[in-house]
Amino acid sequence: MLMTDDLQQRWWNLEAKLVERFGKKPDTEAILFLIGLQETGFLADKITKEQKQDLMHVAICTILGTSGYYLKEGHDEQGWPHFKQLKELPTMILHEQDNFLKDHILLYFDQQGF
């Protein structure tokens, strides 16, 4: 199953807006990283690989929370959000996973008014 025309067009529109905003086309990982930064307010001169992974994890939990997969439980003493997984993610092949994430990323940006 390939990406539907509607999903593809909406994704291209998001990419165009992000290019306009940041000057270059981000990949899915970069977009998840941006969502993680937005959700945590994390600022640092230098971000470690582990922090980048943590930010992307926050993004994934946040975007999949809209479909009931995760619930934000609160924040730790450093201000990082913590999530509880409420249900198992569906088993999908790689391109289905990609479309699943892209659809949730698009929903996130719609909800943010972007």
PDB file of N, CA and C in Angstrom:
ATOM      1  N   MET A   1       0.843  -1.186   0.000  1.00  0.00           N
ATOM      2  CA  MET A   1       0.000   0.000   0.000  1.00  0.00           C
ATOM      3  C   MET A   1       0.885   1.244   0.000  1.00  0.00           C
ATOM      4  N   LEU A   2       0.681   2.098  -0.958  1.00  0.00           N
ATOM      5  CA  LEU A   2       1.436   3.330  -1.041  1.00  0.00           C
ATOM      6  C   LEU A   2       0.692   4.442  -0.322  1.00  0.00           C
ATOM      7  N   MET A   3       1.380   5.547  -0.115  1.00  0.00           N
ATOM      8  CA  MET A   3       0.764   6.686   0.541  1.00  0.00           C
ATOM      9  C   MET A   3      -0.397   7.186  -0.317  1.00  0.00           C
ATOM     10  N   THR A   4      -1.532   7.449   0.321  1.00  0.00           N
ATOM     11  CA  THR A   4      -2.676   7.961  -0.426  1.00  0.00           C
ATOM     12  C   THR A   4      -2.359   9.349  -0.964  1.00  0.00           C
ATOM     13  N   ASP A   5      -3.038   9.710  -2.038  1.00  0.00           N
ATOM     14  CA  ASP A   5      -2.804  11.015  -2.654  1.00  0.00           C
ATOM     15  C   ASP A   5      -3.047  12.142  -1.668  1.00  0.00           C
ATOM     16  N   ASP A   6      -4.123  12.016  -0.872  1.00  0.00           N
ATOM     17  CA  ASP A   6      -4.453  13.064   0.099  1.00  0.00           C
ATOM     18  C   ASP A   6      -3.357  13.196   1.155  1.00  0.00           C
ATOM     19  N   LEU A   7      -2.911  12.079   1.698  1.00  0.00           N
ATOM     20  CA  LEU A   7      -1.844  12.110   2.699  1.00  0.00           C
ATOM     21  C   LEU A   7      -0.573  12.683   2.092  1.00  0.00           C
ATOM     22  N   GLN A   8      -0.247  12.259   0.886  1.00  0.00           N
ATOM     23  CA  GLN A   8       0.955  12.766   0.216  1.00  0.00           C
ATOM     24  C   GLN A   8       0.870  14.272   0.018  1.00  0.00           C
ATOM     25  N   GLN A   9      -0.258  14.762  -0.438  1.00  0.00           N
ATOM     26  CA  GLN A   9      -0.411  16.200  -0.684  1.00  0.00           C
ATOM     27  C   GLN A   9      -0.322  16.990   0.617  1.00  0.00           C
ATOM     28  N   ARG A  10      -0.980  16.490   1.658  1.00  0.00           N
ATOM     29  CA  ARG A  10      -0.908  17.177   2.953  1.00  0.00           C
ATOM     30  C   ARG A  10       0.526  17.186   3.484  1.00  0.00           C
ATOM     31  N   TRP A  11       1.260  16.077   3.263  1.00  0.00           N
ATOM     32  CA  TRP A  11       2.647  15.999   3.718  1.00  0.00           C
ATOM     33  C   TRP A  11       3.513  17.006   2.963  1.00  0.00           C
ATOM     34  N   TRP A  12       3.330  17.075   1.646  1.00  0.00           N
ATOM     35  CA  TRP A  12       4.080  18.051   0.845  1.00  0.00           C
ATOM     36  C   TRP A  12       3.781  19.473   1.296  1.00  0.00           C
ATOM     37  N   ASN A  13       2.525  19.750   1.632  1.00  0.00           N
ATOM     38  CA  ASN A  13       2.153  21.086   2.114  1.00  0.00           C
ATOM     39  C   ASN A  13       2.871  21.401   3.427  1.00  0.00           C
ATOM     40  N   LEU A  14       2.926  20.419   4.335  1.00  0.00           N
ATOM     41  CA  LEU A  14       3.645  20.630   5.595  1.00  0.00           C
ATOM     42  C   LEU A  14       5.126  20.860   5.327  1.00  0.00           C
ATOM     43  N   GLU A  15       5.720  20.033   4.486  1.00  0.00           N
ATOM     44  CA  GLU A  15       7.135  20.208   4.155  1.00  0.00           C
ATOM     45  C   GLU A  15       7.397  21.602   3.593  1.00  0.00           C
ATOM     46  N   ALA A  16       6.511  22.082   2.716  1.00  0.00           N
ATOM     47  CA  ALA A  16       6.675  23.415   2.124  1.00  0.00           C
ATOM     48  C   ALA A  16       6.640  24.500   3.200  1.00  0.00           C
ATOM     49  N   LYS A  17       5.719  24.368   4.150  1.00  0.00           N
ATOM     50  CA  LYS A  17       5.641  25.345   5.241  1.00  0.00           C
ATOM     51  C   LYS A  17       6.912  25.315   6.097  1.00  0.00           C
ATOM     52  N   LEU A  18       7.439  24.109   6.348  1.00  0.00           N
ATOM     53  CA  LEU A  18       8.653  23.996   7.158  1.00  0.00           C
ATOM     54  C   LEU A  18       9.871  24.519   6.408  1.00  0.00           C
ATOM     55  N   VAL A  19       9.929  24.310   5.110  1.00  0.00           N
ATOM     56  CA  VAL A  19      11.013  24.880   4.297  1.00  0.00           C
ATOM     57  C   VAL A  19      10.955  26.402   4.369  1.00  0.00           C
ATOM     58  N   GLU A  20       9.755  26.944   4.246  1.00  0.00           N
ATOM     59  CA  GLU A  20       9.565  28.392   4.329  1.00  0.00           C
ATOM     60  C   GLU A  20      10.021  28.923   5.689  1.00  0.00           C
ATOM     61  N   ARG A  21       9.729  28.169   6.722  1.00  0.00           N
ATOM     62  CA  ARG A  21      10.057  28.604   8.092  1.00  0.00           C
ATOM     63  C   ARG A  21      11.531  28.420   8.433  1.00  0.00           C
ATOM     64  N   PHE A  22      12.136  27.274   8.013  1.00  0.00           N
ATOM     65  CA  PHE A  22      13.490  26.937   8.443  1.00  0.00           C
ATOM     66  C   PHE A  22      14.537  26.965   7.330  1.00  0.00           C
ATOM     67  N   GLY A  23      14.107  27.120   6.091  1.00  0.00           N
ATOM     68  CA  GLY A  23      15.066  27.252   5.000  1.00  0.00           C
ATOM     69  C   GLY A  23      15.563  25.958   4.388  1.00  0.00           C
ATOM     70  N   LYS A  24      15.115  24.819   4.910  1.00  0.00           N
ATOM     71  CA  LYS A  24      15.476  23.549   4.297  1.00  0.00           C
ATOM     72  C   LYS A  24      14.414  22.506   4.598  1.00  0.00           C
ATOM     73  N   LYS A  25      14.374  21.465   3.743  1.00  0.00           N
ATOM     74  CA  LYS A  25      13.354  20.437   3.862  1.00  0.00           C
ATOM     75  C   LYS A  25      13.751  19.427   4.935  1.00  0.00           C
ATOM     76  N   PRO A  26      12.950  19.317   5.990  1.00  0.00           N
ATOM     77  CA  PRO A  26      13.262  18.354   7.045  1.00  0.00           C
ATOM     78  C   PRO A  26      12.749  16.957   6.713  1.00  0.00           C
ATOM     79  N   ASP A  27      13.436  15.942   7.216  1.00  0.00           N
ATOM     80  CA  ASP A  27      12.914  14.583   7.092  1.00  0.00           C
ATOM     81  C   ASP A  27      12.009  14.304   8.294  1.00  0.00           C
ATOM     82  N   THR A  28      11.436  13.130   8.333  1.00  0.00           N
ATOM     83  CA  THR A  28      10.495  12.784   9.409  1.00  0.00           C
ATOM     84  C   THR A  28      11.159  12.863  10.777  1.00  0.00           C
ATOM     85  N   GLU A  29      12.400  12.392  10.882  1.00  0.00           N
ATOM     86  CA  GLU A  29      13.105  12.452  12.166  1.00  0.00           C
ATOM     87  C   GLU A  29      13.299  13.889  12.624  1.00  0.00           C
ATOM     88  N   ALA A  30      13.646  14.778  11.711  1.00  0.00           N
ATOM     89  CA  ALA A  30      13.833  16.190  12.071  1.00  0.00           C
ATOM     90  C   ALA A  30      12.521  16.803  12.538  1.00  0.00           C
ATOM     91  N   ILE A  31      11.426  16.424  11.892  1.00  0.00           N
ATOM     92  CA  ILE A  31      10.118  16.942  12.289  1.00  0.00           C
ATOM     93  C   ILE A  31       9.755  16.440  13.685  1.00  0.00           C
ATOM     94  N   LEU A  32      10.026  15.166  13.956  1.00  0.00           N
ATOM     95  CA  LEU A  32       9.779  14.633  15.305  1.00  0.00           C
ATOM     96  C   LEU A  32      10.637  15.360  16.335  1.00  0.00           C
ATOM     97  N   PHE A  33      11.869  15.639  15.985  1.00  0.00           N
ATOM     98  CA  PHE A  33      12.770  16.387  16.865  1.00  0.00           C
ATOM     99  C   PHE A  33      12.183  17.771  17.173  1.00  0.00           C
ATOM    100  N   LEU A  34      11.667  18.451  16.142  1.00  0.00           N
ATOM    101  CA  LEU A  34      11.048  19.772  16.343  1.00  0.00           C
ATOM    102  C   LEU A  34       9.830  19.686  17.258  1.00  0.00           C
ATOM    103  N   ILE A  35       9.024  18.652  17.071  1.00  0.00           N
ATOM    104  CA  ILE A  35       7.854  18.469  17.937  1.00  0.00           C
ATOM    105  C   ILE A  35       8.302  18.240  19.376  1.00  0.00           C
ATOM    106  N   GLY A  36       9.343  17.431  19.566  1.00  0.00           N
ATOM    107  CA  GLY A  36       9.882  17.196  20.907  1.00  0.00           C
ATOM    108  C   GLY A  36      10.363  18.477  21.555  1.00  0.00           C
ATOM    109  N   LEU A  37      11.045  19.315  20.783  1.00  0.00           N
ATOM    110  CA  LEU A  37      11.492  20.606  21.306  1.00  0.00           C
ATOM    111  C   LEU A  37      10.302  21.470  21.698  1.00  0.00           C
ATOM    112  N   GLN A  38       9.290  21.482  20.835  1.00  0.00           N
ATOM    113  CA  GLN A  38       8.084  22.271  21.104  1.00  0.00           C
ATOM    114  C   GLN A  38       7.384  21.802  22.374  1.00  0.00           C
ATOM    115  N   GLU A  39       7.270  20.508  22.534  1.00  0.00           N
ATOM    116  CA  GLU A  39       6.538  19.946  23.669  1.00  0.00           C
ATOM    117  C   GLU A  39       7.288  20.081  24.992  1.00  0.00           C
ATOM    118  N   THR A  40       8.592  20.091  24.962  1.00  0.00           N
ATOM    119  CA  THR A  40       9.366  20.159  26.200  1.00  0.00           C
ATOM    120  C   THR A  40       9.870  21.556  26.525  1.00  0.00           C
ATOM    121  N   GLY A  41       9.995  22.393  25.498  1.00  0.00           N
ATOM    122  CA  GLY A  41      10.604  23.700  25.719  1.00  0.00           C
ATOM    123  C   GLY A  41      12.091  23.584  25.979  1.00  0.00           C
ATOM    124  N   PHE A  42      12.662  22.428  25.653  1.00  0.00           N
ATOM    125  CA  PHE A  42      14.074  22.141  25.919  1.00  0.00           C
ATOM    126  C   PHE A  42      14.965  23.073  25.114  1.00  0.00           C
ATOM    127  N   LEU A  43      15.910  23.708  25.802  1.00  0.00           N
ATOM    128  CA  LEU A  43      16.887  24.573  25.158  1.00  0.00           C
ATOM    129  C   LEU A  43      18.268  24.210  25.667  1.00  0.00           C
ATOM    130  N   ALA A  44      19.204  24.092  24.742  1.00  0.00           N
ATOM    131  CA  ALA A  44      20.593  23.821  25.114  1.00  0.00           C
ATOM    132  C   ALA A  44      21.482  24.249  23.961  1.00  0.00           C
ATOM    133  N   ASP A  45      22.686  24.681  24.300  1.00  0.00           N
ATOM    134  CA  ASP A  45      23.640  25.046  23.256  1.00  0.00           C
ATOM    135  C   ASP A  45      24.049  23.825  22.453  1.00  0.00           C
ATOM    136  N   LYS A  46      24.175  22.706  23.139  1.00  0.00           N
ATOM    137  CA  LYS A  46      24.564  21.464  22.489  1.00  0.00           C
ATOM    138  C   LYS A  46      23.641  20.358  22.988  1.00  0.00           C
ATOM    139  N   ILE A  47      23.087  19.602  22.054  1.00  0.00           N
ATOM    140  CA  ILE A  47      22.165  18.524  22.400  1.00  0.00           C
ATOM    141  C   ILE A  47      22.856  17.197  22.132  1.00  0.00           C
ATOM    142  N   THR A  48      22.860  16.347  23.144  1.00  0.00           N
ATOM    143  CA  THR A  48      23.496  15.040  22.998  1.00  0.00           C
ATOM    144  C   THR A  48      22.603  14.107  22.167  1.00  0.00           C
ATOM    145  N   LYS A  49      23.190  13.020  21.710  1.00  0.00           N
ATOM    146  CA  LYS A  49      22.438  12.024  20.954  1.00  0.00           C
ATOM    147  C   LYS A  49      21.298  11.465  21.809  1.00  0.00           C
ATOM    148  N   GLU A  50      21.577  11.221  23.081  1.00  0.00           N
ATOM    149  CA  GLU A  50      20.551  10.701  23.988  1.00  0.00           C
ATOM    150  C   GLU A  50      19.411  11.701  24.165  1.00  0.00           C
ATOM    151  N   GLN A  51      19.746  12.983  24.306  1.00  0.00           N
ATOM    152  CA  GLN A  51      18.706  14.004  24.447  1.00  0.00           C
ATOM    153  C   GLN A  51      17.858  14.092  23.175  1.00  0.00           C
ATOM    154  N   LYS A  52      18.512  13.974  22.014  1.00  0.00           N
ATOM    155  CA  LYS A  52      17.776  13.996  20.756  1.00  0.00           C
ATOM    156  C   LYS A  52      16.808  12.814  20.695  1.00  0.00           C
ATOM    157  N   GLN A  53      17.267  11.634  21.105  1.00  0.00           N
ATOM    158  CA  GLN A  53      16.401  10.455  21.128  1.00  0.00           C
ATOM    159  C   GLN A  53      15.245  10.656  22.106  1.00  0.00           C
ATOM    160  N   ASP A  54      15.541  11.247  23.264  1.00  0.00           N
ATOM    161  CA  ASP A  54      14.488  11.520  24.254  1.00  0.00           C
ATOM    162  C   ASP A  54      13.451  12.487  23.697  1.00  0.00           C
ATOM    163  N   LEU A  55      13.911  13.525  22.989  1.00  0.00           N
ATOM    164  CA  LEU A  55      12.991  14.498  22.403  1.00  0.00           C
ATOM    165  C   LEU A  55      12.109  13.853  21.341  1.00  0.00           C
ATOM    166  N   MET A  56      12.688  12.963  20.546  1.00  0.00           N
ATOM    167  CA  MET A  56      11.910  12.270  19.530  1.00  0.00           C
ATOM    168  C   MET A  56      10.905  11.306  20.178  1.00  0.00           C
ATOM    169  N   HIS A  57      11.294  10.690  21.294  1.00  0.00           N
ATOM    170  CA  HIS A  57      10.375   9.818  22.032  1.00  0.00           C
ATOM    171  C   HIS A  57       9.193  10.622  22.570  1.00  0.00           C
ATOM    172  N   VAL A  58       9.466  11.796  23.113  1.00  0.00           N
ATOM    173  CA  VAL A  58       8.398  12.671  23.595  1.00  0.00           C
ATOM    174  C   VAL A  58       7.461  13.008  22.440  1.00  0.00           C
ATOM    175  N   ALA A  59       8.029  13.300  21.279  1.00  0.00           N
ATOM    176  CA  ALA A  59       7.213  13.641  20.109  1.00  0.00           C
ATOM    177  C   ALA A  59       6.317  12.481  19.710  1.00  0.00           C
ATOM    178  N   ILE A  60       6.875  11.294  19.646  1.00  0.00           N
ATOM    179  CA  ILE A  60       6.091  10.127  19.240  1.00  0.00           C
ATOM    180  C   ILE A  60       4.960   9.864  20.237  1.00  0.00           C
ATOM    181  N   CYS A  61       5.272   9.908  21.520  1.00  0.00           N
ATOM    182  CA  CYS A  61       4.230   9.700  22.533  1.00  0.00           C
ATOM    183  C   CYS A  61       3.162  10.778  22.442  1.00  0.00           C
ATOM    184  N   THR A  62       3.578  12.009  22.188  1.00  0.00           N
ATOM    185  CA  THR A  62       2.625  13.120  22.078  1.00  0.00           C
ATOM    186  C   THR A  62       1.708  12.939  20.887  1.00  0.00           C
ATOM    187  N   ILE A  63       2.280  12.670  19.713  1.00  0.00           N
ATOM    188  CA  ILE A  63       1.434  12.584  18.520  1.00  0.00           C
ATOM    189  C   ILE A  63       0.537  11.350  18.542  1.00  0.00           C
ATOM    190  N   LEU A  64       1.029  10.258  19.122  1.00  0.00           N
ATOM    191  CA  LEU A  64       0.209   9.045  19.184  1.00  0.00           C
ATOM    192  C   LEU A  64      -0.792   9.094  20.340  1.00  0.00           C
ATOM    193  N   GLY A  65      -0.608  10.048  21.231  1.00  0.00           N
ATOM    194  CA  GLY A  65      -1.570  10.245  22.316  1.00  0.00           C
ATOM    195  C   GLY A  65      -2.937  10.636  21.802  1.00  0.00           C
ATOM    196  N   THR A  66      -2.985  11.312  20.668  1.00  0.00           N
ATOM    197  CA  THR A  66      -4.278  11.725  20.107  1.00  0.00           C
ATOM    198  C   THR A  66      -5.122  10.532  19.675  1.00  0.00           C
ATOM    199  N   SER A  67      -4.471   9.400  19.426  1.00  0.00           N
ATOM    200  CA  SER A  67      -5.198   8.175  19.044  1.00  0.00           C
ATOM    201  C   SER A  67      -5.318   7.197  20.208  1.00  0.00           C
ATOM    202  N   GLY A  68      -4.979   7.646  21.400  1.00  0.00           N
ATOM    203  CA  GLY A  68      -5.171   6.820  22.583  1.00  0.00           C
ATOM    204  C   GLY A  68      -4.090   5.797  22.861  1.00  0.00           C
ATOM    205  N   TYR A  69      -2.935   5.935  22.216  1.00  0.00           N
ATOM    206  CA  TYR A  69      -1.858   4.980  22.465  1.00  0.00           C
ATOM    207  C   TYR A  69      -1.044   5.343  23.708  1.00  0.00           C
ATOM    208  N   TYR A  70      -0.937   6.626  24.001  1.00  0.00           N
ATOM    209  CA  TYR A  70      -0.163   7.089  25.156  1.00  0.00           C
ATOM    210  C   TYR A  70      -0.943   8.144  25.913  1.00  0.00           C
ATOM    211  N   LEU A  71      -0.647   8.252  27.192  1.00  0.00           N
ATOM    212  CA  LEU A  71      -1.230   9.266  28.057  1.00  0.00           C
ATOM    213  C   LEU A  71      -0.107   9.936  28.819  1.00  0.00           C
ATOM    214  N   LYS A  72      -0.078  11.252  28.792  1.00  0.00           N
ATOM    215  CA  LYS A  72       0.939  11.978  29.559  1.00  0.00           C
ATOM    216  C   LYS A  72       0.585  11.871  31.033  1.00  0.00           C
ATOM    217  N   GLU A  73       1.539  11.362  31.820  1.00  0.00           N
ATOM    218  CA  GLU A  73       1.303  11.168  33.257  1.00  0.00           C
ATOM    219  C   GLU A  73       1.796  12.336  34.099  1.00  0.00           C
ATOM    220  N   GLY A  74       2.695  13.113  33.566  1.00  0.00           N
ATOM    221  CA  GLY A  74       3.242  14.225  34.330  1.00  0.00           C
ATOM    222  C   GLY A  74       4.662  14.508  33.877  1.00  0.00           C
ATOM    223  N   HIS A  75       5.374  15.232  34.734  1.00  0.00           N
ATOM    224  CA  HIS A  75       6.748  15.624  34.422  1.00  0.00           C
ATOM    225  C   HIS A  75       7.673  15.213  35.555  1.00  0.00           C
ATOM    226  N   ASP A  76       8.926  14.933  35.208  1.00  0.00           N
ATOM    227  CA  ASP A  76       9.899  14.616  36.248  1.00  0.00           C
ATOM    228  C   ASP A  76      10.507  15.907  36.793  1.00  0.00           C
ATOM    229  N   GLU A  77      11.471  15.763  37.704  1.00  0.00           N
ATOM    230  CA  GLU A  77      12.057  16.946  38.364  1.00  0.00           C
ATOM    231  C   GLU A  77      12.841  17.842  37.402  1.00  0.00           C
ATOM    232  N   GLN A  78      13.252  17.308  36.252  1.00  0.00           N
ATOM    233  CA  GLN A  78      13.926  18.136  35.249  1.00  0.00           C
ATOM    234  C   GLN A  78      12.942  18.750  34.245  1.00  0.00           C
ATOM    235  N   GLY A  79      11.658  18.446  34.399  1.00  0.00           N
ATOM    236  CA  GLY A  79      10.643  19.011  33.528  1.00  0.00           C
ATOM    237  C   GLY A  79      10.310  18.171  32.300  1.00  0.00           C
ATOM    238  N   TRP A  80      10.903  16.980  32.189  1.00  0.00           N
ATOM    239  CA  TRP A  80      10.627  16.114  31.039  1.00  0.00           C
ATOM    240  C   TRP A  80       9.288  15.413  31.248  1.00  0.00           C
ATOM    241  N   PRO A  81       8.441  15.401  30.210  1.00  0.00           N
ATOM    242  CA  PRO A  81       7.158  14.700  30.332  1.00  0.00           C
ATOM    243  C   PRO A  81       7.354  13.188  30.335  1.00  0.00           C
ATOM    244  N   HIS A  82       6.470  12.509  31.045  1.00  0.00           N
ATOM    245  CA  HIS A  82       6.481  11.050  31.084  1.00  0.00           C
ATOM    246  C   HIS A  82       5.111  10.545  30.644  1.00  0.00           C
ATOM    247  N   PHE A  83       5.133   9.444  29.910  1.00  0.00           N
ATOM    248  CA  PHE A  83       3.930   8.906  29.300  1.00  0.00           C
ATOM    249  C   PHE A  83       3.713   7.469  29.732  1.00  0.00           C
ATOM    250  N   LYS A  84       2.455   7.083  29.708  1.00  0.00           N
ATOM    251  CA  LYS A  84       2.072   5.692  29.950  1.00  0.00           C
ATOM    252  C   LYS A  84       1.484   5.155  28.650  1.00  0.00           C
ATOM    253  N   GLN A  85       1.947   3.990  28.226  1.00  0.00           N
ATOM    254  CA  GLN A  85       1.379   3.373  27.038  1.00  0.00           C
ATOM    255  C   GLN A  85       0.069   2.704  27.420  1.00  0.00           C
ATOM    256  N   LEU A  86      -1.001   3.064  26.698  1.00  0.00           N
ATOM    257  CA  LEU A  86      -2.334   2.567  27.018  1.00  0.00           C
ATOM    258  C   LEU A  86      -2.729   1.355  26.192  1.00  0.00           C
ATOM    259  N   LYS A  87      -2.197   1.255  24.994  1.00  0.00           N
ATOM    260  CA  LYS A  87      -2.509   0.114  24.144  1.00  0.00           C
ATOM    261  C   LYS A  87      -1.347  -0.149  23.203  1.00  0.00           C
ATOM    262  N   GLU A  88      -1.300  -1.379  22.741  1.00  0.00           N
ATOM    263  CA  GLU A  88      -0.224  -1.788  21.840  1.00  0.00           C
ATOM    264  C   GLU A  88      -0.375  -1.105  20.485  1.00  0.00           C
ATOM    265  N   LEU A  89       0.758  -0.778  19.901  1.00  0.00           N
ATOM    266  CA  LEU A  89       0.740  -0.224  18.556  1.00  0.00           C
ATOM    267  C   LEU A  89       0.453  -1.345  17.561  1.00  0.00           C
ATOM    268  N   PRO A  90      -0.254  -1.034  16.493  1.00  0.00           N
ATOM    269  CA  PRO A  90      -0.558  -2.074  15.513  1.00  0.00           C
ATOM    270  C   PRO A  90       0.713  -2.545  14.798  1.00  0.00           C
ATOM    271  N   THR A  91       0.703  -3.793  14.393  1.00  0.00           N
ATOM    272  CA  THR A  91       1.811  -4.335  13.629  1.00  0.00           C
ATOM    273  C   THR A  91       1.664  -3.856  12.187  1.00  0.00           C
ATOM    274  N   MET A  92       2.722  -3.246  11.675  1.00  0.00           N
ATOM    275  CA  MET A  92       2.679  -2.696  10.325  1.00  0.00           C
ATOM    276  C   MET A  92       4.012  -2.931   9.640  1.00  0.00           C
ATOM    277  N   ILE A  93       3.963  -2.973   8.324  1.00  0.00           N
ATOM    278  CA  ILE A  93       5.211  -3.009   7.573  1.00  0.00           C
ATOM    279  C   ILE A  93       5.743  -1.579   7.474  1.00  0.00           C
ATOM    280  N   LEU A  94       6.983  -1.438   7.051  1.00  0.00           N
ATOM    281  CA  LEU A  94       7.705  -0.167   7.142  1.00  0.00           C
ATOM    282  C   LEU A  94       6.956   1.014   6.522  1.00  0.00           C
ATOM    283  N   HIS A  95       6.480   0.899   5.307  1.00  0.00           N
ATOM    284  CA  HIS A  95       5.819   2.055   4.690  1.00  0.00           C
ATOM    285  C   HIS A  95       4.491   2.375   5.372  1.00  0.00           C
ATOM    286  N   GLU A  96       3.833   1.373   5.949  1.00  0.00           N
ATOM    287  CA  GLU A  96       2.615   1.643   6.720  1.00  0.00           C
ATOM    288  C   GLU A  96       2.951   2.395   8.006  1.00  0.00           C
ATOM    289  N   GLN A  97       4.059   2.026   8.647  1.00  0.00           N
ATOM    290  CA  GLN A  97       4.515   2.746   9.841  1.00  0.00           C
ATOM    291  C   GLN A  97       4.803   4.203   9.502  1.00  0.00           C
ATOM    292  N   ASP A  98       5.467   4.410   8.369  1.00  0.00           N
ATOM    293  CA  ASP A  98       5.811   5.754   7.925  1.00  0.00           C
ATOM    294  C   ASP A  98       4.541   6.581   7.703  1.00  0.00           C
ATOM    295  N   ASN A  99       3.563   6.009   7.020  1.00  0.00           N
ATOM    296  CA  ASN A  99       2.302   6.717   6.785  1.00  0.00           C
ATOM    297  C   ASN A  99       1.550   6.978   8.083  1.00  0.00           C
ATOM    298  N   PHE A 100       1.574   6.007   8.991  1.00  0.00           N
ATOM    299  CA  PHE A 100       0.933   6.137  10.299  1.00  0.00           C
ATOM    300  C   PHE A 100       1.529   7.322  11.065  1.00  0.00           C
ATOM    301  N   LEU A 101       2.851   7.398  11.097  1.00  0.00           N
ATOM    302  CA  LEU A 101       3.522   8.520  11.767  1.00  0.00           C
ATOM    303  C   LEU A 101       3.224   9.836  11.065  1.00  0.00           C
ATOM    304  N   LYS A 102       3.315   9.847   9.748  1.00  0.00           N
ATOM    305  CA  LYS A 102       3.064  11.091   9.005  1.00  0.00           C
ATOM    306  C   LYS A 102       1.651  11.592   9.236  1.00  0.00           C
ATOM    307  N   ASP A 103       0.680  10.699   9.253  1.00  0.00           N
ATOM    308  CA  ASP A 103      -0.704  11.106   9.496  1.00  0.00           C
ATOM    309  C   ASP A 103      -0.851  11.730  10.883  1.00  0.00           C
ATOM    310  N   HIS A 104      -0.195  11.152  11.877  1.00  0.00           N
ATOM    311  CA  HIS A 104      -0.252  11.709  13.235  1.00  0.00           C
ATOM    312  C   HIS A 104       0.524  13.021  13.341  1.00  0.00           C
ATOM    313  N   ILE A 105       1.626  13.135  12.624  1.00  0.00           N
ATOM    314  CA  ILE A 105       2.377  14.401  12.606  1.00  0.00           C
ATOM    315  C   ILE A 105       1.502  15.497  11.998  1.00  0.00           C
ATOM    316  N   LEU A 106       0.834  15.196  10.910  1.00  0.00           N
ATOM    317  CA  LEU A 106      -0.051  16.177  10.267  1.00  0.00           C
ATOM    318  C   LEU A 106      -1.177  16.592  11.206  1.00  0.00           C
ATOM    319  N   LEU A 107      -1.759  15.638  11.925  1.00  0.00           N
ATOM    320  CA  LEU A 107      -2.805  15.951  12.894  1.00  0.00           C
ATOM    321  C   LEU A 107      -2.261  16.873  13.985  1.00  0.00           C
ATOM    322  N   TYR A 108      -1.050  16.585  14.456  1.00  0.00           N
ATOM    323  CA  TYR A 108      -0.430  17.429  15.481  1.00  0.00           C
ATOM    324  C   TYR A 108      -0.310  18.875  14.989  1.00  0.00           C
ATOM    325  N   PHE A 109       0.224  19.051  13.787  1.00  0.00           N
ATOM    326  CA  PHE A 109       0.408  20.401  13.271  1.00  0.00           C
ATOM    327  C   PHE A 109      -0.938  21.093  13.018  1.00  0.00           C
ATOM    328  N   ASP A 110      -1.943  20.331  12.595  1.00  0.00           N
ATOM    329  CA  ASP A 110      -3.287  20.910  12.436  1.00  0.00           C
ATOM    330  C   ASP A 110      -3.811  21.410  13.783  1.00  0.00           C
ATOM    331  N   GLN A 111      -3.634  20.587  14.817  1.00  0.00           N
ATOM    332  CA  GLN A 111      -4.100  20.957  16.147  1.00  0.00           C
ATOM    333  C   GLN A 111      -3.343  22.171  16.705  1.00  0.00           C
ATOM    334  N   GLN A 112      -2.092  22.340  16.259  1.00  0.00           N
ATOM    335  CA  GLN A 112      -1.290  23.478  16.703  1.00  0.00           C
ATOM    336  C   GLN A 112      -1.595  24.741  15.893  1.00  0.00           C
ATOM    337  N   GLY A 113      -2.420  24.596  14.856  1.00  0.00           N
ATOM    338  CA  GLY A 113      -2.763  25.741  14.016  1.00  0.00           C
ATOM    339  C   GLY A 113      -1.658  26.148  13.064  1.00  0.00           C
ATOM    340  N   PHE A 114      -0.791  25.204  12.725  1.00  0.00           N
ATOM    341  CA  PHE A 114       0.336  25.505  11.838  1.00  0.00           C
ATOM    342  C   PHE A 114      -0.063  25.288  10.404  1.00  0.00           C
TER     343      PHE A 114
END
